[in-house]
């Protein structure tokens, strides 16, 4: 028997793949949702890339339901996302649209999945961003999208949000994650201030099994200094 069942939205990205592997190593049944397949997962749902928001939600909700066949999930973890810079002078709508698709669509579809298939007392974890707690003039589209995820987290934590009884929704707010792509594009950066993927995966694992789980609706900043990560909780 598995230790539990979870879904990772964005399961093919750097953080998502780390989460899939970490939970698999702990004997969890793990489903991946992404634009490309993750062969390490027990279930890999490939989202129709050209589908609109409604089409993607309908597709994912249906595929998850078929796979679970009446069983419930312990956690839905959305670590999908991306980054685009830019201010109001160039490509504001283009960049904002991309960020909305990558962060807001995925987070809201994760919420729809959680509302239907999360067990009572389960976990829904979304991914916001530390910089989006303030203005982001050099990356406006990114900041708007991540701020929307923060608002979604608060809304889902409220009464009558549609999530199951006693479930908890939280959002992690990284500053910079230590990913291969970040290292490629920022080779001169101070990596001791970047949060390791293994730390995030282990953190999400502990919350899934209800260890040191934050209160419902929390926004958790991940602050790494000198290779040591601390959590700063915004209720």
C-alpha atoms as a PDB file:
ATOM      1  CA  UNK A   1       0.000   0.000   0.000  1.00  0.00           C
ATOM      2  CA  UNK A   2       1.076   3.563  -0.650  1.00  0.00           C
ATOM      3  CA  UNK A   3       1.630   6.044   2.164  1.00  0.00           C
ATOM      4  CA  UNK A   4      -0.915   8.332   0.523  1.00  0.00           C
ATOM      5  CA  UNK A   5      -1.933   9.985  -2.725  1.00  0.00           C
ATOM      6  CA  UNK A   6      -0.897  13.414  -3.995  1.00  0.00           C
ATOM      7  CA  UNK A   7      -0.991  15.426  -7.205  1.00  0.00           C
ATOM      8  CA  UNK A   8       1.752  17.788  -8.352  1.00  0.00           C
ATOM      9  CA  UNK A   9       0.639  20.436 -10.851  1.00  0.00           C
ATOM     10  CA  UNK A  10       3.768  21.447 -12.720  1.00  0.00           C
ATOM     11  CA  UNK A  11       5.274  18.018 -12.123  1.00  0.00           C
ATOM     12  CA  UNK A  12       7.705  18.283 -15.034  1.00  0.00           C
ATOM     13  CA  UNK A  13       9.392  21.522 -13.978  1.00  0.00           C
ATOM     14  CA  UNK A  14      12.469  21.646 -11.763  1.00  0.00           C
ATOM     15  CA  UNK A  15      10.610  21.999  -8.454  1.00  0.00           C
ATOM     16  CA  UNK A  16       7.728  19.797  -9.577  1.00  0.00           C
ATOM     17  CA  UNK A  17      10.026  16.958 -10.607  1.00  0.00           C
ATOM     18  CA  UNK A  18      11.852  17.254  -7.274  1.00  0.00           C
ATOM     19  CA  UNK A  19       8.514  16.943  -5.477  1.00  0.00           C
ATOM     20  CA  UNK A  20       7.455  13.945  -7.570  1.00  0.00           C
ATOM     21  CA  UNK A  21      10.720  12.147  -6.815  1.00  0.00           C
ATOM     22  CA  UNK A  22      10.679  13.051  -3.117  1.00  0.00           C
ATOM     23  CA  UNK A  23       7.140  11.792  -2.522  1.00  0.00           C
ATOM     24  CA  UNK A  24       7.748   8.681  -4.617  1.00  0.00           C
ATOM     25  CA  UNK A  25      10.780   7.891  -2.439  1.00  0.00           C
ATOM     26  CA  UNK A  26       8.460   8.070   0.588  1.00  0.00           C
ATOM     27  CA  UNK A  27       6.106   5.517  -0.977  1.00  0.00           C
ATOM     28  CA  UNK A  28       3.379   7.951  -2.031  1.00  0.00           C
ATOM     29  CA  UNK A  29       1.252   7.473  -5.130  1.00  0.00           C
ATOM     30  CA  UNK A  30       2.060  10.580  -7.149  1.00  0.00           C
ATOM     31  CA  UNK A  31       0.232  12.123 -10.076  1.00  0.00           C
ATOM     32  CA  UNK A  32       1.855  14.746 -12.303  1.00  0.00           C
ATOM     33  CA  UNK A  33      -0.003  17.405 -14.292  1.00  0.00           C
ATOM     34  CA  UNK A  34       1.974  19.408 -16.828  1.00  0.00           C
ATOM     35  CA  UNK A  35       2.340  20.258 -20.504  1.00  0.00           C
ATOM     36  CA  UNK A  36       4.754  17.344 -20.889  1.00  0.00           C
ATOM     37  CA  UNK A  37       4.856  13.849 -19.422  1.00  0.00           C
ATOM     38  CA  UNK A  38       6.701  12.907 -16.250  1.00  0.00           C
ATOM     39  CA  UNK A  39       7.561   9.233 -16.599  1.00  0.00           C
ATOM     40  CA  UNK A  40       8.514   8.939 -12.923  1.00  0.00           C
ATOM     41  CA  UNK A  41       4.958   9.633 -11.767  1.00  0.00           C
ATOM     42  CA  UNK A  42       2.280   6.987 -11.240  1.00  0.00           C
ATOM     43  CA  UNK A  43      -0.095   9.126 -13.293  1.00  0.00           C
ATOM     44  CA  UNK A  44       0.993  11.737 -15.820  1.00  0.00           C
ATOM     45  CA  UNK A  45      -1.702  14.035 -17.183  1.00  0.00           C
ATOM     46  CA  UNK A  46      -0.561  16.082 -20.165  1.00  0.00           C
ATOM     47  CA  UNK A  47      -2.627  19.256 -20.396  1.00  0.00           C
ATOM     48  CA  UNK A  48      -3.766  20.342 -23.888  1.00  0.00           C
ATOM     49  CA  UNK A  49      -1.400  23.239 -24.528  1.00  0.00           C
ATOM     50  CA  UNK A  50      -3.708  25.138 -26.860  1.00  0.00           C
ATOM     51  CA  UNK A  51      -6.816  24.676 -24.737  1.00  0.00           C
ATOM     52  CA  UNK A  52      -8.374  27.721 -23.085  1.00  0.00           C
ATOM     53  CA  UNK A  53      -8.772  28.003 -19.318  1.00  0.00           C
ATOM     54  CA  UNK A  54     -12.153  26.247 -19.207  1.00  0.00           C
ATOM     55  CA  UNK A  55     -10.990  23.463 -21.516  1.00  0.00           C
ATOM     56  CA  UNK A  56      -7.901  22.812 -19.413  1.00  0.00           C
ATOM     57  CA  UNK A  57      -9.872  22.727 -16.172  1.00  0.00           C
ATOM     58  CA  UNK A  58     -12.473  20.353 -17.619  1.00  0.00           C
ATOM     59  CA  UNK A  59      -9.792  18.068 -19.010  1.00  0.00           C
ATOM     60  CA  UNK A  60      -7.711  17.908 -15.824  1.00  0.00           C
ATOM     61  CA  UNK A  61     -10.685  17.430 -13.483  1.00  0.00           C
ATOM     62  CA  UNK A  62     -11.999  14.607 -15.668  1.00  0.00           C
ATOM     63  CA  UNK A  63      -8.645  12.813 -15.948  1.00  0.00           C
ATOM     64  CA  UNK A  64      -7.994  13.035 -12.214  1.00  0.00           C
ATOM     65  CA  UNK A  65     -11.456  11.673 -11.438  1.00  0.00           C
ATOM     66  CA  UNK A  66     -10.969   8.729 -13.793  1.00  0.00           C
ATOM     67  CA  UNK A  67      -7.601   7.885 -12.238  1.00  0.00           C
ATOM     68  CA  UNK A  68      -8.759   8.102  -8.612  1.00  0.00           C
ATOM     69  CA  UNK A  69     -11.903   6.032  -9.220  1.00  0.00           C
ATOM     70  CA  UNK A  70     -13.575   7.192  -6.027  1.00  0.00           C
ATOM     71  CA  UNK A  71     -10.451   7.521  -3.868  1.00  0.00           C
ATOM     72  CA  UNK A  72      -9.294  10.806  -2.359  1.00  0.00           C
ATOM     73  CA  UNK A  73      -6.075  12.803  -2.363  1.00  0.00           C
ATOM     74  CA  UNK A  74      -4.010  13.755   0.668  1.00  0.00           C
ATOM     75  CA  UNK A  75      -2.583  16.818  -1.069  1.00  0.00           C
ATOM     76  CA  UNK A  76      -2.760  18.867  -4.248  1.00  0.00           C
ATOM     77  CA  UNK A  77       0.506  20.745  -4.746  1.00  0.00           C
ATOM     78  CA  UNK A  78       0.748  23.412  -7.432  1.00  0.00           C
ATOM     79  CA  UNK A  79       4.310  24.427  -8.222  1.00  0.00           C
ATOM     80  CA  UNK A  80       3.628  25.390 -11.829  1.00  0.00           C
ATOM     81  CA  UNK A  81       4.738  28.819 -12.929  1.00  0.00           C
ATOM     82  CA  UNK A  82       7.304  30.809 -14.817  1.00  0.00           C
ATOM     83  CA  UNK A  83       8.937  34.205 -14.951  1.00  0.00           C
ATOM     84  CA  UNK A  84       8.920  37.144 -17.330  1.00  0.00           C
ATOM     85  CA  UNK A  85      10.368  40.597 -16.781  1.00  0.00           C
ATOM     86  CA  UNK A  86       9.217  43.842 -18.299  1.00  0.00           C
ATOM     87  CA  UNK A  87       7.479  47.070 -17.396  1.00  0.00           C
ATOM     88  CA  UNK A  88       4.587  48.958 -18.972  1.00  0.00           C
ATOM     89  CA  UNK A  89       6.575  50.099 -22.019  1.00  0.00           C
ATOM     90  CA  UNK A  90       6.899  46.808 -23.865  1.00  0.00           C
ATOM     91  CA  UNK A  91       4.819  43.650 -24.195  1.00  0.00           C
ATOM     92  CA  UNK A  92       2.864  44.257 -20.996  1.00  0.00           C
ATOM     93  CA  UNK A  93      -0.221  42.387 -22.190  1.00  0.00           C
ATOM     94  CA  UNK A  94       1.845  39.594 -23.767  1.00  0.00           C
ATOM     95  CA  UNK A  95       3.946  38.977 -20.661  1.00  0.00           C
ATOM     96  CA  UNK A  96       0.989  39.348 -18.317  1.00  0.00           C
ATOM     97  CA  UNK A  97      -1.047  36.847 -20.331  1.00  0.00           C
ATOM     98  CA  UNK A  98       1.786  34.308 -20.187  1.00  0.00           C
ATOM     99  CA  UNK A  99       2.207  34.753 -16.430  1.00  0.00           C
ATOM    100  CA  UNK A 100      -1.542  34.456 -15.889  1.00  0.00           C
ATOM    101  CA  UNK A 101      -1.631  31.168 -17.814  1.00  0.00           C
ATOM    102  CA  UNK A 102       1.371  29.731 -15.994  1.00  0.00           C
ATOM    103  CA  UNK A 103       0.480  30.752 -12.432  1.00  0.00           C
ATOM    104  CA  UNK A 104      -3.197  31.685 -12.144  1.00  0.00           C
ATOM    105  CA  UNK A 105      -4.742  29.122 -14.486  1.00  0.00           C
ATOM    106  CA  UNK A 106      -2.764  26.315 -12.869  1.00  0.00           C
ATOM    107  CA  UNK A 107      -3.549  27.465  -9.326  1.00  0.00           C
ATOM    108  CA  UNK A 108      -7.270  27.800  -9.982  1.00  0.00           C
ATOM    109  CA  UNK A 109      -7.419  24.395 -11.707  1.00  0.00           C
ATOM    110  CA  UNK A 110      -5.597  22.930  -8.709  1.00  0.00           C
ATOM    111  CA  UNK A 111      -8.276  24.461  -6.493  1.00  0.00           C
ATOM    112  CA  UNK A 112     -11.008  22.918  -8.650  1.00  0.00           C
ATOM    113  CA  UNK A 113      -9.296  19.530  -8.353  1.00  0.00           C
ATOM    114  CA  UNK A 114      -8.943  19.970  -4.600  1.00  0.00           C
ATOM    115  CA  UNK A 115     -12.595  20.889  -4.185  1.00  0.00           C
ATOM    116  CA  UNK A 116     -13.626  17.617  -5.802  1.00  0.00           C
ATOM    117  CA  UNK A 117     -10.972  15.101  -4.834  1.00  0.00           C
ATOM    118  CA  UNK A 118      -9.140  16.267  -1.702  1.00  0.00           C
ATOM    119  CA  UNK A 119      -9.949  14.307   1.433  1.00  0.00           C
ATOM    120  CA  UNK A 120     -11.276  16.032   4.541  1.00  0.00           C
ATOM    121  CA  UNK A 121      -8.295  17.591   6.303  1.00  0.00           C
ATOM    122  CA  UNK A 122      -6.175  17.487   3.150  1.00  0.00           C
ATOM    123  CA  UNK A 123      -3.659  20.045   1.925  1.00  0.00           C
ATOM    124  CA  UNK A 124      -3.787  22.414  -1.032  1.00  0.00           C
ATOM    125  CA  UNK A 125      -0.428  24.131  -1.538  1.00  0.00           C
ATOM    126  CA  UNK A 126      -0.012  26.913  -4.115  1.00  0.00           C
ATOM    127  CA  UNK A 127       3.045  28.902  -5.168  1.00  0.00           C
ATOM    128  CA  UNK A 128       3.131  32.656  -4.871  1.00  0.00           C
ATOM    129  CA  UNK A 129       6.257  34.824  -4.741  1.00  0.00           C
ATOM    130  CA  UNK A 130       7.940  36.928  -2.107  1.00  0.00           C
ATOM    131  CA  UNK A 131       8.502  39.937  -4.425  1.00  0.00           C
ATOM    132  CA  UNK A 132       4.748  40.102  -5.188  1.00  0.00           C
ATOM    133  CA  UNK A 133       4.044  41.238  -1.637  1.00  0.00           C
ATOM    134  CA  UNK A 134       5.183  44.643  -2.920  1.00  0.00           C
ATOM    135  CA  UNK A 135       5.243  46.426  -6.254  1.00  0.00           C
ATOM    136  CA  UNK A 136       7.226  44.773  -9.047  1.00  0.00           C
ATOM    137  CA  UNK A 137       7.860  47.546 -11.609  1.00  0.00           C
ATOM    138  CA  UNK A 138      10.504  45.548 -13.488  1.00  0.00           C
ATOM    139  CA  UNK A 139       8.289  42.464 -13.821  1.00  0.00           C
ATOM    140  CA  UNK A 140       4.729  43.740 -13.741  1.00  0.00           C
ATOM    141  CA  UNK A 141       3.012  40.735 -15.320  1.00  0.00           C
ATOM    142  CA  UNK A 142       4.767  38.341 -12.962  1.00  0.00           C
ATOM    143  CA  UNK A 143       3.879  40.409  -9.908  1.00  0.00           C
ATOM    144  CA  UNK A 144       0.217  40.674 -10.889  1.00  0.00           C
ATOM    145  CA  UNK A 145      -0.114  36.942 -11.419  1.00  0.00           C
ATOM    146  CA  UNK A 146       1.599  35.975  -8.187  1.00  0.00           C
ATOM    147  CA  UNK A 147      -0.397  38.540  -6.214  1.00  0.00           C
ATOM    148  CA  UNK A 148      -3.524  36.910  -7.656  1.00  0.00           C
ATOM    149  CA  UNK A 149      -2.323  33.553  -6.293  1.00  0.00           C
ATOM    150  CA  UNK A 150      -1.942  35.154  -2.862  1.00  0.00           C
ATOM    151  CA  UNK A 151      -5.516  36.441  -3.053  1.00  0.00           C
ATOM    152  CA  UNK A 152      -6.772  33.047  -4.252  1.00  0.00           C
ATOM    153  CA  UNK A 153      -5.118  31.423  -1.228  1.00  0.00           C
ATOM    154  CA  UNK A 154      -6.938  33.759   1.142  1.00  0.00           C
ATOM    155  CA  UNK A 155     -10.254  33.226  -0.632  1.00  0.00           C
ATOM    156  CA  UNK A 156      -9.936  29.441  -0.583  1.00  0.00           C
ATOM    157  CA  UNK A 157      -9.233  29.544   3.155  1.00  0.00           C
ATOM    158  CA  UNK A 158     -12.553  31.250   3.811  1.00  0.00           C
ATOM    159  CA  UNK A 159     -15.867  29.684   4.677  1.00  0.00           C
ATOM    160  CA  UNK A 160     -17.844  28.247   1.774  1.00  0.00           C
ATOM    161  CA  UNK A 161     -14.856  28.291  -0.580  1.00  0.00           C
ATOM    162  CA  UNK A 162     -15.815  24.824  -1.803  1.00  0.00           C
ATOM    163  CA  UNK A 163     -12.828  22.974  -0.337  1.00  0.00           C
ATOM    164  CA  UNK A 164     -13.452  19.894   1.832  1.00  0.00           C
ATOM    165  CA  UNK A 165     -14.004  20.038   5.581  1.00  0.00           C
ATOM    166  CA  UNK A 166     -10.917  20.874   7.664  1.00  0.00           C
ATOM    167  CA  UNK A 167      -8.684  21.162   4.596  1.00  0.00           C
ATOM    168  CA  UNK A 168      -5.835  23.678   4.695  1.00  0.00           C
ATOM    169  CA  UNK A 169      -4.687  25.894   1.832  1.00  0.00           C
ATOM    170  CA  UNK A 170      -1.323  27.649   1.979  1.00  0.00           C
ATOM    171  CA  UNK A 171       1.000  29.371  -0.464  1.00  0.00           C
ATOM    172  CA  UNK A 172       4.769  29.211  -0.455  1.00  0.00           C
ATOM    173  CA  UNK A 173       6.484  32.474  -1.382  1.00  0.00           C
ATOM    174  CA  UNK A 174      10.044  31.790  -2.575  1.00  0.00           C
ATOM    175  CA  UNK A 175      12.512  34.540  -3.406  1.00  0.00           C
ATOM    176  CA  UNK A 176      14.840  32.571  -5.699  1.00  0.00           C
ATOM    177  CA  UNK A 177      14.852  28.786  -6.101  1.00  0.00           C
ATOM    178  CA  UNK A 178      18.099  26.941  -6.795  1.00  0.00           C
ATOM    179  CA  UNK A 179      17.193  25.513 -10.193  1.00  0.00           C
ATOM    180  CA  UNK A 180      19.431  24.593 -13.141  1.00  0.00           C
ATOM    181  CA  UNK A 181      17.880  27.336 -15.279  1.00  0.00           C
ATOM    182  CA  UNK A 182      18.430  29.998 -12.616  1.00  0.00           C
ATOM    183  CA  UNK A 183      22.071  28.942 -12.341  1.00  0.00           C
ATOM    184  CA  UNK A 184      22.408  29.078 -16.112  1.00  0.00           C
ATOM    185  CA  UNK A 185      21.026  32.611 -16.412  1.00  0.00           C
ATOM    186  CA  UNK A 186      22.566  33.991 -13.199  1.00  0.00           C
ATOM    187  CA  UNK A 187      26.012  32.355 -12.997  1.00  0.00           C
ATOM    188  CA  UNK A 188      27.492  35.122 -10.848  1.00  0.00           C
ATOM    189  CA  UNK A 189      24.723  35.107  -8.235  1.00  0.00           C
ATOM    190  CA  UNK A 190      25.109  34.235  -4.562  1.00  0.00           C
ATOM    191  CA  UNK A 191      23.741  30.710  -4.475  1.00  0.00           C
ATOM    192  CA  UNK A 192      23.794  30.662  -0.670  1.00  0.00           C
ATOM    193  CA  UNK A 193      20.733  32.942  -0.809  1.00  0.00           C
ATOM    194  CA  UNK A 194      18.787  30.565  -3.049  1.00  0.00           C
ATOM    195  CA  UNK A 195      16.346  28.024  -1.616  1.00  0.00           C
ATOM    196  CA  UNK A 196      17.197  24.369  -2.454  1.00  0.00           C
ATOM    197  CA  UNK A 197      14.512  22.334  -4.197  1.00  0.00           C
ATOM    198  CA  UNK A 198      15.039  19.492  -1.731  1.00  0.00           C
ATOM    199  CA  UNK A 199      14.153  21.809   1.150  1.00  0.00           C
ATOM    200  CA  UNK A 200      10.874  22.815  -0.497  1.00  0.00           C
ATOM    201  CA  UNK A 201       9.944  19.226  -1.352  1.00  0.00           C
ATOM    202  CA  UNK A 202      10.616  18.103   2.226  1.00  0.00           C
ATOM    203  CA  UNK A 203       8.621  21.042   3.595  1.00  0.00           C
ATOM    204  CA  UNK A 204       5.607  20.137   1.456  1.00  0.00           C
ATOM    205  CA  UNK A 205       5.954  16.524   2.563  1.00  0.00           C
ATOM    206  CA  UNK A 206       5.825  17.492   6.236  1.00  0.00           C
ATOM    207  CA  UNK A 207       2.706  19.606   5.706  1.00  0.00           C
ATOM    208  CA  UNK A 208       1.050  16.798   3.751  1.00  0.00           C
ATOM    209  CA  UNK A 209       1.408  14.450   6.724  1.00  0.00           C
ATOM    210  CA  UNK A 210       0.245  17.266   9.036  1.00  0.00           C
ATOM    211  CA  UNK A 211       3.587  17.998  10.672  1.00  0.00           C
ATOM    212  CA  UNK A 212       4.059  21.666  11.613  1.00  0.00           C
ATOM    213  CA  UNK A 213       1.380  22.599   9.096  1.00  0.00           C
ATOM    214  CA  UNK A 214       0.721  26.360   8.948  1.00  0.00           C
ATOM    215  CA  UNK A 215      -2.713  27.772   9.647  1.00  0.00           C
ATOM    216  CA  UNK A 216      -5.278  27.942   6.884  1.00  0.00           C
ATOM    217  CA  UNK A 217      -4.675  30.784   4.424  1.00  0.00           C
ATOM    218  CA  UNK A 218      -1.040  31.376   5.381  1.00  0.00           C
ATOM    219  CA  UNK A 219       1.427  32.902   2.950  1.00  0.00           C
ATOM    220  CA  UNK A 220       4.826  31.424   3.830  1.00  0.00           C
ATOM    221  CA  UNK A 221       7.910  33.333   2.731  1.00  0.00           C
ATOM    222  CA  UNK A 222      10.984  31.169   2.160  1.00  0.00           C
ATOM    223  CA  UNK A 223      13.991  33.249   3.177  1.00  0.00           C
ATOM    224  CA  UNK A 224      17.437  31.728   2.566  1.00  0.00           C
ATOM    225  CA  UNK A 225      20.651  33.292   3.868  1.00  0.00           C
ATOM    226  CA  UNK A 226      24.048  31.595   4.078  1.00  0.00           C
ATOM    227  CA  UNK A 227      22.431  28.361   2.853  1.00  0.00           C
ATOM    228  CA  UNK A 228      20.003  28.370   5.783  1.00  0.00           C
ATOM    229  CA  UNK A 229      16.276  28.694   5.044  1.00  0.00           C
ATOM    230  CA  UNK A 230      13.783  30.136   7.485  1.00  0.00           C
ATOM    231  CA  UNK A 231      10.030  30.552   7.200  1.00  0.00           C
ATOM    232  CA  UNK A 232       8.234  33.848   7.662  1.00  0.00           C
ATOM    233  CA  UNK A 233       4.493  33.366   7.899  1.00  0.00           C
ATOM    234  CA  UNK A 234       1.989  35.992   6.801  1.00  0.00           C
ATOM    235  CA  UNK A 235      -1.399  35.015   8.207  1.00  0.00           C
END
